[in-house]
Amino acid sequence: MTKAELVEAVAAQSRLTKKSAAEILDIVFANIGKAVKKDQRFSYPGFGTWSVRSRKARKIRNPQTNEMMKLKASKTIGFRPAKELKNSL
């Protein structure tokens, strides 16, 4: 599902205009992002949990030159689905 399809579905189910639905979705996802940055975690019961995950520094190989390089430690965001969502699949 794309953002446009999600906006269309929300607008149809809530009787909002597509513009209003898009604004609401942008606000929701912006706040989820802020929550994950601030608290390192955001949980929505019945759907899942977004959390910050740390990746260790590691060695990688450049496939073009076969040169071994060091990759710095980094952070990424992960999603763990709730049991209800998993069972509904």
C-alpha atoms as a PDB file:
ATOM      1  CA  MET A   1       0.000   0.000   0.000  1.00  0.00           C
ATOM      2  CA  THR A   2       1.312   3.428  -0.918  1.00  0.00           C
ATOM      3  CA  LYS A   3       0.795   6.688   0.927  1.00  0.00           C
ATOM      4  CA  ALA A   4      -1.750   7.771  -1.697  1.00  0.00           C
ATOM      5  CA  GLU A   5      -3.718   4.544  -1.230  1.00  0.00           C
ATOM      6  CA  LEU A   6      -3.651   4.974   2.557  1.00  0.00           C
ATOM      7  CA  VAL A   7      -4.836   8.583   2.263  1.00  0.00           C
ATOM      8  CA  GLU A   8      -7.661   7.479  -0.025  1.00  0.00           C
ATOM      9  CA  ALA A   9      -8.735   4.703   2.370  1.00  0.00           C
ATOM     10  CA  VAL A  10      -8.694   7.014   5.403  1.00  0.00           C
ATOM     11  CA  ALA A  11     -10.604   9.710   3.529  1.00  0.00           C
ATOM     12  CA  ALA A  12     -13.263   7.220   2.388  1.00  0.00           C
ATOM     13  CA  GLN A  13     -13.746   5.665   5.839  1.00  0.00           C
ATOM     14  CA  SER A  14     -13.776   8.936   7.771  1.00  0.00           C
ATOM     15  CA  ARG A  15     -15.627  11.103   5.250  1.00  0.00           C
ATOM     16  CA  LEU A  16     -12.741  13.576   5.230  1.00  0.00           C
ATOM     17  CA  THR A  17     -11.266  15.185   2.170  1.00  0.00           C
ATOM     18  CA  LYS A  18      -8.090  13.614   0.822  1.00  0.00           C
ATOM     19  CA  LYS A  19      -6.189  16.770   1.760  1.00  0.00           C
ATOM     20  CA  SER A  20      -7.380  16.594   5.382  1.00  0.00           C
ATOM     21  CA  ALA A  21      -6.655  12.868   5.600  1.00  0.00           C
ATOM     22  CA  ALA A  22      -3.141  13.425   4.213  1.00  0.00           C
ATOM     23  CA  GLU A  23      -2.473  16.170   6.780  1.00  0.00           C
ATOM     24  CA  ILE A  24      -3.666  13.951   9.624  1.00  0.00           C
ATOM     25  CA  LEU A  25      -1.514  11.031   8.479  1.00  0.00           C
ATOM     26  CA  ASP A  26       1.529  13.305   8.140  1.00  0.00           C
ATOM     27  CA  ILE A  27       0.974  14.560  11.706  1.00  0.00           C
ATOM     28  CA  VAL A  28       0.542  11.021  13.055  1.00  0.00           C
ATOM     29  CA  PHE A  29       3.708   9.683  11.442  1.00  0.00           C
ATOM     30  CA  ALA A  30       5.701  12.788  12.396  1.00  0.00           C
ATOM     31  CA  ASN A  31       4.701  12.268  16.017  1.00  0.00           C
ATOM     32  CA  ILE A  32       5.609   8.571  15.867  1.00  0.00           C
ATOM     33  CA  GLY A  33       9.046   9.589  14.581  1.00  0.00           C
ATOM     34  CA  LYS A  34       9.454  12.157  17.360  1.00  0.00           C
ATOM     35  CA  ALA A  35       8.422   9.621  19.998  1.00  0.00           C
ATOM     36  CA  VAL A  36      10.933   7.062  18.751  1.00  0.00           C
ATOM     37  CA  LYS A  37      13.711   9.692  18.749  1.00  0.00           C
ATOM     38  CA  LYS A  38      12.827  10.939  22.240  1.00  0.00           C
ATOM     39  CA  ASP A  39      11.886   7.749  24.081  1.00  0.00           C
ATOM     40  CA  GLN A  40      13.737   5.217  21.873  1.00  0.00           C
ATOM     41  CA  ARG A  41      10.402   3.386  21.507  1.00  0.00           C
ATOM     42  CA  PHE A  42       6.786   3.799  20.356  1.00  0.00           C
ATOM     43  CA  SER A  43       4.137   1.178  20.984  1.00  0.00           C
ATOM     44  CA  TYR A  44       0.650   0.930  19.494  1.00  0.00           C
ATOM     45  CA  PRO A  45      -1.328  -1.855  21.203  1.00  0.00           C
ATOM     46  CA  GLY A  46      -2.623  -4.499  18.822  1.00  0.00           C
ATOM     47  CA  PHE A  47      -0.358  -3.308  16.006  1.00  0.00           C
ATOM     48  CA  GLY A  48       3.258  -3.304  17.134  1.00  0.00           C
ATOM     49  CA  THR A  49       6.274  -1.482  18.503  1.00  0.00           C
ATOM     50  CA  TRP A  50       8.841   0.703  16.768  1.00  0.00           C
ATOM     51  CA  SER A  51      12.191   0.941  18.528  1.00  0.00           C
ATOM     52  CA  VAL A  52      15.724   2.208  17.973  1.00  0.00           C
ATOM     53  CA  ARG A  53      18.235  -0.580  17.396  1.00  0.00           C
ATOM     54  CA  SER A  54      21.996  -0.252  17.570  1.00  0.00           C
ATOM     55  CA  ARG A  55      24.272  -1.862  15.025  1.00  0.00           C
ATOM     56  CA  LYS A  56      27.829  -2.712  15.995  1.00  0.00           C
ATOM     57  CA  ALA A  57      30.829  -1.547  14.019  1.00  0.00           C
ATOM     58  CA  ARG A  58      31.911  -4.210  11.550  1.00  0.00           C
ATOM     59  CA  LYS A  59      34.154  -4.925   8.607  1.00  0.00           C
ATOM     60  CA  ILE A  60      32.680  -4.978   5.123  1.00  0.00           C
ATOM     61  CA  ARG A  61      34.067  -5.763   1.687  1.00  0.00           C
ATOM     62  CA  ASN A  62      33.749  -3.456  -1.299  1.00  0.00           C
ATOM     63  CA  PRO A  63      32.508  -5.820  -4.040  1.00  0.00           C
ATOM     64  CA  GLN A  64      34.106  -3.772  -6.836  1.00  0.00           C
ATOM     65  CA  THR A  65      37.625  -3.642  -5.406  1.00  0.00           C
ATOM     66  CA  ASN A  66      37.551  -6.492  -2.835  1.00  0.00           C
ATOM     67  CA  GLU A  67      38.953  -3.957  -0.368  1.00  0.00           C
ATOM     68  CA  MET A  68      38.061  -4.557   3.305  1.00  0.00           C
ATOM     69  CA  MET A  69      36.638  -1.450   4.982  1.00  0.00           C
ATOM     70  CA  LYS A  70      35.408  -0.559   8.465  1.00  0.00           C
ATOM     71  CA  LEU A  71      31.775   0.428   8.891  1.00  0.00           C
ATOM     72  CA  LYS A  72      31.030   2.593  11.925  1.00  0.00           C
ATOM     73  CA  ALA A  73      28.457   1.673  14.542  1.00  0.00           C
ATOM     74  CA  SER A  74      25.037   3.082  13.667  1.00  0.00           C
ATOM     75  CA  LYS A  75      21.438   3.221  14.770  1.00  0.00           C
ATOM     76  CA  THR A  76      18.376   2.103  12.859  1.00  0.00           C
ATOM     77  CA  ILE A  77      14.687   1.767  13.543  1.00  0.00           C
ATOM     78  CA  GLY A  78      13.033  -1.604  13.891  1.00  0.00           C
ATOM     79  CA  PHE A  79       9.428  -2.758  14.019  1.00  0.00           C
ATOM     80  CA  ARG A  80       8.102  -5.698  15.988  1.00  0.00           C
ATOM     81  CA  PRO A  81       4.488  -6.628  15.199  1.00  0.00           C
ATOM     82  CA  ALA A  82       2.067  -7.325  18.028  1.00  0.00           C
ATOM     83  CA  LYS A  83       0.817 -10.860  18.590  1.00  0.00           C
ATOM     84  CA  GLU A  84      -2.683  -9.865  17.391  1.00  0.00           C
ATOM     85  CA  LEU A  85      -1.306  -8.558  14.089  1.00  0.00           C
ATOM     86  CA  LYS A  86       0.809 -11.677  13.558  1.00  0.00           C
ATOM     87  CA  ASN A  87      -2.136 -13.969  14.244  1.00  0.00           C
ATOM     88  CA  SER A  88      -4.368 -12.087  11.801  1.00  0.00           C
ATOM     89  CA  LEU A  89      -2.067 -12.856   8.851  1.00  0.00           C
END
